[in-house]
């Protein structure tokens, strides 16, 4: 008897779950349900090249609609799910249709955190989370000369770089903290990226507080801040996301800043799984539950889930966290988490814009890396981290010692 796999959420994690299940099970029914009208797409391009033109935005679609037809994956787009009844193994759609499942996978992702300040409700504030968000911002930016971006994380900085470089806009960036990228990067990298953006003309204001937004009749705005009044034509907010966990919580599934799952993607309710950046998933490398908004989780975690559902492998999702960002001509890639490191060393190449910050613990094991324009080295750093071998800081800081020569440590 063929099973019915139902996936709630038609983003990258939903697509990858459907693909992975079909690769392992050619007979069972697969239904992929999404609130948006679009077929599944990947998000990384939305804040970068996707803002530039429609053709670049199309690269977000990894496969076309024909793929789902050919793979016999039933798409239900523009179909919000109202409720889930685990005891009956049923879900209720917004149009009152009821769908029975054998295995259910939540891939509901996350949504942009909205700016809450006086006057924000009257302003046309742009966010960059969905395909439509990217299209609307791209259209709104044309012909404008100044933008205020609220938030100094990856999204805010990527949008700042794109609007300054390709739209020739003057950019003011408001960051509430004492440095940009504080949540994920060590201060040395924050300082480097701050200087880079300033050299590109971005006006970064740290320790910023926004008290009110005034909307004028000509659709321009004045922002009241502790740095004074700022007049602008466009406002973009990149202040984080909320995991879309409410539907799962209402069904009795354990949530804690995301849907709590083990390394196989299992929730506390039998036959219900979760994938992607909605999950607070167990990471064996750190022996802790983490929630990570990254392409890597959406791409690779579904493979472990499909393996478990189909009984093909006992190995769970155990990737070392990996993030990347492209800003101007700079590529940043980060492995691990610097909160687990007690010592920071720098590996500097001949060119000043090519370097890596490496975080070691007290046993001189690598726990985190941030590589700037050194993407070729990431796989080697990953292997060193996975091996838990100790690495003398002097070997890492000596750029004359090829990183690949450290492979001998993997065998010790």
Protein backbone atom coordinates (compact mmCIF):
# COMPACT_ATOMS: atom_id res chain seq x y z
CA UNK A 1 0.00 0.00 0.00
CA UNK A 2 1.42 3.38 -1.03
CA UNK A 3 1.89 6.02 1.64
CA UNK A 4 0.85 9.64 1.32
CA UNK A 5 3.57 12.12 2.23
CA UNK A 6 2.24 15.63 2.81
CA UNK A 7 4.59 18.61 3.03
CA UNK A 8 3.33 21.92 4.40
CA UNK A 9 5.42 24.73 2.98
CA UNK A 10 6.51 25.07 -0.64
CA UNK A 11 9.83 26.82 -0.22
CA UNK A 12 13.32 25.42 -0.66
CA UNK A 13 13.01 22.97 2.23
CA UNK A 14 9.64 21.79 0.96
CA UNK A 15 10.97 21.28 -2.55
CA UNK A 16 14.03 19.39 -1.32
CA UNK A 17 11.89 17.18 0.90
CA UNK A 18 9.62 16.30 -2.02
CA UNK A 19 12.60 15.64 -4.30
CA UNK A 20 14.38 13.51 -1.72
CA UNK A 21 11.30 11.44 -0.95
CA UNK A 22 10.60 10.83 -4.64
CA UNK A 23 14.22 9.78 -5.27
CA UNK A 24 13.83 7.12 -2.57
CA UNK A 25 10.21 6.13 -3.14
CA UNK A 26 8.87 6.10 -6.68
CA UNK A 27 5.38 4.89 -5.80
CA UNK A 28 4.01 6.82 -2.83
CA UNK A 29 1.90 9.93 -3.18
CA UNK A 30 3.56 13.27 -2.45
CA UNK A 31 1.62 16.50 -1.88
CA UNK A 32 3.43 19.84 -1.55
CA UNK A 33 1.26 22.61 -0.10
CA UNK A 34 2.22 26.29 -0.19
CA UNK A 35 0.59 29.61 0.68
CA UNK A 36 2.31 31.52 -2.14
CA UNK A 37 1.13 31.24 -5.73
CA UNK A 38 4.71 30.68 -6.96
CA UNK A 39 6.31 27.28 -7.40
CA UNK A 40 9.13 26.68 -4.88
CA UNK A 41 12.16 28.94 -5.12
CA UNK A 42 15.44 29.54 -3.27
CA UNK A 43 15.86 32.82 -1.38
CA UNK A 44 19.58 33.79 -1.55
CA UNK A 45 19.22 35.81 -4.77
CA UNK A 46 16.33 37.92 -3.45
CA UNK A 47 18.50 40.44 -1.62
CA UNK A 48 21.25 40.54 -4.23
CA UNK A 49 21.09 39.95 -7.99
CA UNK A 50 17.36 39.27 -7.83
CA UNK A 51 16.79 42.95 -7.06
CA UNK A 52 18.58 44.05 -10.20
CA UNK A 53 16.33 42.67 -12.92
CA UNK A 54 13.60 40.13 -13.64
CA UNK A 55 15.93 37.75 -15.49
CA UNK A 56 18.24 37.48 -12.47
CA UNK A 57 15.27 36.85 -10.21
CA UNK A 58 14.30 33.85 -12.32
CA UNK A 59 17.44 32.06 -11.13
CA UNK A 60 15.64 31.58 -7.81
CA UNK A 61 13.63 28.80 -9.46
CA UNK A 62 15.83 25.70 -9.33
CA UNK A 63 13.32 23.56 -11.24
CA UNK A 64 10.28 24.50 -13.31
CA UNK A 65 6.66 23.39 -12.98
CA UNK A 66 7.21 20.53 -15.40
CA UNK A 67 9.54 18.89 -12.88
CA UNK A 68 6.73 18.41 -10.39
CA UNK A 69 4.44 17.01 -13.07
CA UNK A 70 7.12 14.60 -14.30
CA UNK A 71 7.94 13.47 -10.75
CA UNK A 72 4.27 13.07 -9.86
CA UNK A 73 4.53 15.59 -7.03
CA UNK A 74 1.12 17.18 -6.46
CA UNK A 75 1.41 20.95 -6.03
CA UNK A 76 -1.24 22.79 -4.02
CA UNK A 77 -0.23 26.45 -4.34
CA UNK A 78 -2.06 29.40 -2.84
CA UNK A 79 -3.46 26.96 -0.28
CA UNK A 80 -3.02 27.98 3.36
CA UNK A 81 -3.33 25.22 5.94
CA UNK A 82 -5.78 26.09 8.72
CA UNK A 83 -5.20 23.23 11.15
CA UNK A 84 -3.58 19.84 11.68
CA UNK A 85 -5.24 16.98 13.55
CA UNK A 86 -2.46 14.49 14.43
CA UNK A 87 -4.77 11.91 16.04
CA UNK A 88 -6.77 11.64 12.82
CA UNK A 89 -3.79 12.33 10.54
CA UNK A 90 -5.71 15.04 8.74
CA UNK A 91 -5.03 18.61 7.73
CA UNK A 92 -7.63 21.26 6.92
CA UNK A 93 -7.05 23.77 4.12
CA UNK A 94 -8.41 27.29 3.91
CA UNK A 95 -10.93 26.21 1.28
CA UNK A 96 -12.28 23.55 3.71
CA UNK A 97 -10.65 20.67 1.84
CA UNK A 98 -9.41 17.89 4.14
CA UNK A 99 -6.26 15.94 3.30
CA UNK A 100 -5.30 12.66 4.93
CA UNK A 101 -1.60 11.91 5.44
CA UNK A 102 0.59 9.02 6.49
CA UNK A 103 3.69 11.14 7.08
CA UNK A 104 3.56 14.91 7.55
CA UNK A 105 6.51 17.28 7.14
CA UNK A 106 6.39 20.90 8.25
CA UNK A 107 8.57 23.10 6.03
CA UNK A 108 6.82 26.33 6.90
CA UNK A 109 9.96 28.48 7.05
CA UNK A 110 9.93 31.90 8.63
CA UNK A 111 8.53 35.36 8.04
CA UNK A 112 10.08 38.79 8.26
CA UNK A 113 9.93 40.51 11.61
CA UNK A 114 7.89 43.68 11.17
CA UNK A 115 9.10 47.08 12.28
CA UNK A 116 7.10 48.28 15.28
CA UNK A 117 7.51 51.98 15.91
CA UNK A 118 5.20 54.98 15.94
CA UNK A 119 4.06 55.81 12.41
CA UNK A 120 5.30 52.54 10.87
CA UNK A 121 1.72 51.48 10.16
CA UNK A 122 1.31 54.42 7.75
CA UNK A 123 4.61 53.93 5.91
CA UNK A 124 5.31 51.67 2.94
CA UNK A 125 8.13 49.71 4.56
CA UNK A 126 9.83 47.10 2.41
CA UNK A 127 11.05 43.71 3.59
CA UNK A 128 13.02 41.11 1.63
CA UNK A 129 11.68 37.67 2.42
CA UNK A 130 9.55 36.56 -0.53
CA UNK A 131 9.80 36.73 -4.30
CA UNK A 132 7.10 39.40 -4.35
CA UNK A 133 9.00 41.39 -1.71
CA UNK A 134 12.06 41.45 -3.97
CA UNK A 135 10.03 42.48 -7.01
CA UNK A 136 8.28 45.28 -5.13
CA UNK A 137 11.52 46.67 -3.70
CA UNK A 138 13.19 46.56 -7.10
CA UNK A 139 10.33 48.53 -8.64
CA UNK A 140 10.14 51.01 -5.76
CA UNK A 141 13.89 51.73 -5.88
CA UNK A 142 13.90 52.84 -9.50
CA UNK A 143 14.19 56.59 -9.78
CA UNK A 144 14.84 57.06 -6.07
CA UNK A 145 18.01 58.68 -4.76
CA UNK A 146 18.01 57.84 -1.03
CA UNK A 147 17.06 54.84 1.10
CA UNK A 148 17.14 54.15 4.83
CA UNK A 149 17.85 50.52 5.71
CA UNK A 150 17.03 49.42 9.24
CA UNK A 151 19.15 46.51 10.42
CA UNK A 152 22.84 45.71 10.03
CA UNK A 153 22.63 41.95 9.50
CA UNK A 154 23.25 40.02 6.29
CA UNK A 155 19.99 41.08 4.62
CA UNK A 156 20.42 44.76 5.42
CA UNK A 157 24.02 44.82 4.25
CA UNK A 158 23.33 42.84 1.06
CA UNK A 159 20.46 45.16 0.14
CA UNK A 160 22.63 48.19 0.94
CA UNK A 161 25.39 46.92 -1.36
CA UNK A 162 22.94 46.17 -4.18
CA UNK A 163 21.05 49.48 -4.01
CA UNK A 164 24.25 51.52 -3.74
CA UNK A 165 26.08 49.70 -6.54
CA UNK A 166 23.36 48.97 -9.08
CA UNK A 167 20.76 51.67 -8.33
CA UNK A 168 23.31 54.38 -7.43
CA UNK A 169 21.35 55.27 -4.32
CA UNK A 170 22.62 57.06 -1.25
CA UNK A 171 22.18 54.65 1.66
CA UNK A 172 21.80 55.32 5.36
CA UNK A 173 21.86 52.19 7.49
CA UNK A 174 20.54 52.22 11.06
CA UNK A 175 21.83 49.51 13.39
CA UNK A 176 20.52 49.35 16.95
CA UNK A 177 23.62 47.58 18.30
CA UNK A 178 27.18 48.74 18.80
CA UNK A 179 28.34 46.96 15.65
CA UNK A 180 26.97 45.36 12.49
CA UNK A 181 26.73 41.56 12.15
CA UNK A 182 26.91 41.21 15.91
CA UNK A 183 24.67 38.15 16.08
CA UNK A 184 26.89 35.90 13.95
CA UNK A 185 30.35 37.43 13.51
CA UNK A 186 33.28 38.34 15.77
CA UNK A 187 33.99 42.04 16.22
CA UNK A 188 37.07 41.98 13.98
CA UNK A 189 34.95 40.92 11.01
CA UNK A 190 32.24 43.46 11.91
CA UNK A 191 34.86 46.20 11.90
CA UNK A 192 36.23 45.07 8.54
CA UNK A 193 32.80 45.00 6.89
CA UNK A 194 31.87 48.32 8.47
CA UNK A 195 34.91 49.93 6.88
CA UNK A 196 34.20 48.27 3.54
CA UNK A 197 30.64 49.61 3.43
CA UNK A 198 31.77 53.07 4.49
CA UNK A 199 34.34 53.10 1.69
CA UNK A 200 31.49 52.29 -0.70
CA UNK A 201 29.58 55.32 0.54
CA UNK A 202 27.17 53.68 3.01
CA UNK A 203 26.40 55.89 6.01
CA UNK A 204 26.22 53.45 8.94
CA UNK A 205 24.77 54.79 12.19
CA UNK A 206 25.34 52.50 15.17
CA UNK A 207 23.49 52.43 18.50
CA UNK A 208 20.49 53.80 16.64
CA UNK A 209 17.01 54.16 18.05
CA UNK A 210 14.04 54.99 15.84
CA UNK A 211 11.18 56.73 17.63
CA UNK A 212 8.80 57.77 14.86
CA UNK A 213 8.22 57.72 11.11
CA UNK A 214 6.40 60.61 9.45
CA UNK A 215 4.81 59.92 6.06
CA UNK A 216 4.45 62.96 3.81
CA UNK A 217 1.96 63.67 1.05
CA UNK A 218 4.63 63.18 -1.64
CA UNK A 219 5.31 59.63 -0.33
CA UNK A 220 8.61 60.58 1.27
CA UNK A 221 9.42 60.01 4.92
CA UNK A 222 11.12 61.60 7.88
CA UNK A 223 12.55 59.25 10.47
CA UNK A 224 13.03 60.60 13.99
CA UNK A 225 16.16 59.01 15.47
CA UNK A 226 18.68 59.67 18.22
CA UNK A 227 20.99 60.82 15.41
CA UNK A 228 18.49 63.46 14.33
CA UNK A 229 15.81 63.58 11.66
CA UNK A 230 16.53 61.65 8.44
CA UNK A 231 14.57 62.41 5.26
CA UNK A 232 14.27 59.60 2.73
CA UNK A 233 12.28 58.28 -0.23
CA UNK A 234 12.44 54.59 0.63
CA UNK A 235 12.56 52.46 3.79
CA UNK A 236 13.77 48.85 3.99
CA UNK A 237 13.77 46.82 7.20
CA UNK A 238 15.89 43.73 7.75
CA UNK A 239 15.49 43.11 11.47
CA UNK A 240 15.26 39.34 11.64
CA UNK A 241 12.57 36.71 11.21
CA UNK A 242 9.97 34.75 13.17
CA UNK A 243 9.76 30.97 12.62
CA UNK A 244 6.34 29.96 11.30
CA UNK A 245 5.67 27.59 14.18
CA UNK A 246 2.14 28.55 15.20
CA UNK A 247 0.38 25.88 13.15
CA UNK A 248 2.61 23.18 14.63
CA UNK A 249 2.18 24.49 18.17
CA UNK A 250 -1.62 24.45 17.81
CA UNK A 251 -1.35 20.76 16.86
CA UNK A 252 0.50 19.95 20.09
CA UNK A 253 3.99 19.85 18.57
CA UNK A 254 6.80 21.05 20.82
CA UNK A 255 8.17 24.46 19.77
CA UNK A 256 10.94 26.56 21.27
CA UNK A 257 12.11 29.27 18.88
CA UNK A 258 11.24 26.86 16.10
CA UNK A 259 9.75 23.38 15.79
CA UNK A 260 11.92 21.16 18.00
CA UNK A 261 13.24 18.12 16.12
CA UNK A 262 15.99 15.55 16.51
CA UNK A 263 18.76 14.88 13.97
CA UNK A 264 16.26 12.89 11.86
CA UNK A 265 13.78 15.76 11.75
CA UNK A 266 11.30 14.00 14.05
CA UNK A 267 8.99 16.05 16.26
CA UNK A 268 7.49 14.84 19.54
CA UNK A 269 4.46 13.48 17.63
CA UNK A 270 4.83 10.22 15.67
CA UNK A 271 4.88 10.49 11.87
CA UNK A 272 5.33 14.26 11.95
CA UNK A 273 8.64 15.80 10.89
CA UNK A 274 9.93 19.31 10.23
CA UNK A 275 12.61 20.67 7.90
CA UNK A 276 14.36 23.92 7.13
CA UNK A 277 14.73 27.17 9.03
CA UNK A 278 11.51 26.63 10.99
CA UNK A 279 13.33 23.90 12.93
CA UNK A 280 15.21 24.04 16.17
CA UNK A 281 17.17 20.94 15.24
CA UNK A 282 19.60 18.89 17.25
CA UNK A 283 23.15 19.38 16.04
CA UNK A 284 25.50 16.55 17.08
CA UNK A 285 28.59 18.70 16.52
CA UNK A 286 27.54 21.07 19.29
CA UNK A 287 25.31 18.63 21.21
CA UNK A 288 22.60 21.27 21.29
CA UNK A 289 19.44 22.37 19.51
CA UNK A 290 19.99 25.29 17.14
CA UNK A 291 17.85 27.19 14.67
CA UNK A 292 19.71 28.42 11.63
CA UNK A 293 18.29 30.49 8.79
CA UNK A 294 20.46 29.15 6.02
CA UNK A 295 20.42 27.63 2.57
CA UNK A 296 22.37 24.66 3.93
CA UNK A 297 19.68 23.53 6.38
CA UNK A 298 16.91 23.81 3.78
CA UNK A 299 19.02 21.91 1.24
CA UNK A 300 20.52 19.08 3.31
CA UNK A 301 18.25 18.40 6.28
CA UNK A 302 15.44 17.08 4.02
CA UNK A 303 17.79 14.35 2.75
CA UNK A 304 18.22 12.99 6.29
CA UNK A 305 14.47 13.19 6.83
CA UNK A 306 13.69 11.29 3.61
CA UNK A 307 16.26 8.64 4.51
CA UNK A 308 14.61 8.12 7.88
CA UNK A 309 11.07 8.04 6.52
CA UNK A 310 12.07 5.50 3.87
CA UNK A 311 14.16 3.44 6.30
CA UNK A 312 17.35 3.78 4.28
CA UNK A 313 19.84 5.27 6.73
CA UNK A 314 20.26 5.78 10.46
CA UNK A 315 22.51 8.81 9.93
CA UNK A 316 20.87 12.09 10.82
CA UNK A 317 21.50 15.66 9.75
CA UNK A 318 24.85 16.55 11.31
CA UNK A 319 26.25 19.33 9.12
CA UNK A 320 28.43 21.94 10.73
CA UNK A 321 26.49 25.22 10.40
CA UNK A 322 27.51 27.13 7.28
CA UNK A 323 26.47 30.57 6.09
CA UNK A 324 27.59 32.75 3.22
CA UNK A 325 27.01 36.28 1.99
CA UNK A 326 28.08 38.20 -1.11
CA UNK A 327 28.59 41.95 -0.69
CA UNK A 328 30.18 43.97 -3.50
CA UNK A 329 33.08 41.80 -4.69
CA UNK A 330 33.52 40.20 -1.27
CA UNK A 331 32.43 36.67 -0.45
CA UNK A 332 32.00 35.80 3.22
CA UNK A 333 31.64 32.19 4.36
CA UNK A 334 31.21 31.14 7.97
CA UNK A 335 31.45 27.70 9.55
CA UNK A 336 30.43 26.89 13.09
CA UNK A 337 29.66 29.33 15.87
CA UNK A 338 32.17 31.67 17.48
CA UNK A 339 30.38 31.43 20.83
CA UNK A 340 32.11 28.04 21.26
CA UNK A 341 35.57 29.57 20.72
CA UNK A 342 37.84 31.02 23.39
CA UNK A 343 40.68 32.18 21.11
CA UNK A 344 40.64 33.99 17.78
CA UNK A 345 43.49 33.83 15.25
CA UNK A 346 43.84 35.42 11.82
CA UNK A 347 45.17 33.79 8.68
CA UNK A 348 46.12 36.63 6.37
CA UNK A 349 46.93 36.12 2.68
CA UNK A 350 49.09 38.47 0.63
CA UNK A 351 46.05 40.47 -0.50
CA UNK A 352 44.49 42.35 2.40
CA UNK A 353 40.96 41.42 1.33
CA UNK A 354 41.75 37.68 1.52
CA UNK A 355 41.84 36.38 5.10
CA UNK A 356 40.17 34.09 7.60
CA UNK A 357 39.23 34.49 11.25
CA UNK A 358 39.52 31.16 13.06
CA UNK A 359 37.99 30.42 16.45
CA UNK A 360 39.67 27.79 18.67
CA UNK A 361 38.59 26.35 22.00
CA UNK A 362 40.90 25.67 24.94
CA UNK A 363 41.96 22.36 23.35
CA UNK A 364 42.95 24.22 20.16
CA UNK A 365 40.14 22.56 18.22
CA UNK A 366 38.60 24.70 15.50
CA UNK A 367 35.03 25.64 16.42
CA UNK A 368 34.35 28.44 13.95
CA UNK A 369 35.77 30.03 10.81
CA UNK A 370 34.88 33.13 8.88
CA UNK A 371 36.65 33.23 5.52
CA UNK A 372 36.70 36.39 3.41
CA UNK A 373 37.34 35.71 -0.27
CA UNK A 374 38.77 32.30 0.63
CA UNK A 375 35.93 30.00 -0.34
CA UNK A 376 38.39 27.41 -1.66
CA UNK A 377 39.57 26.76 1.90
CA UNK A 378 36.18 26.11 3.48
CA UNK A 379 36.14 22.38 2.73
CA UNK A 380 39.50 21.93 4.46
CA UNK A 381 38.39 23.91 7.50
CA UNK A 382 35.26 21.77 7.62
CA UNK A 383 37.31 18.58 7.64
CA UNK A 384 39.52 19.88 10.44
CA UNK A 385 36.46 20.79 12.47
CA UNK A 386 34.77 17.44 11.90
CA UNK A 387 37.88 15.58 13.03
CA UNK A 388 38.07 17.51 16.33
CA UNK A 389 41.85 17.49 15.95
CA UNK A 390 43.97 20.06 17.74
CA UNK A 391 45.72 22.60 15.52
CA UNK A 392 48.57 24.78 16.74
CA UNK A 393 47.64 28.46 16.20
CA UNK A 394 51.06 29.09 14.63
CA UNK A 395 50.22 26.66 11.81
CA UNK A 396 46.99 28.49 11.09
CA UNK A 397 48.44 32.00 11.14
CA UNK A 398 51.37 31.12 8.88
CA UNK A 399 50.06 31.74 5.37
CA UNK A 400 53.25 30.19 3.99
CA UNK A 401 52.04 26.86 5.36
CA UNK A 402 49.50 25.55 2.82
CA UNK A 403 46.24 24.72 4.52
CA UNK A 404 46.11 21.38 2.75
CA UNK A 405 49.35 20.38 4.49
CA UNK A 406 47.32 20.14 7.71
CA UNK A 407 45.62 17.03 6.34
CA UNK A 408 48.22 14.98 8.20
CA UNK A 409 46.50 16.06 11.44
CA UNK A 410 43.35 14.27 10.32
CA UNK A 411 45.13 10.93 10.51
CA UNK A 412 46.49 11.46 14.00
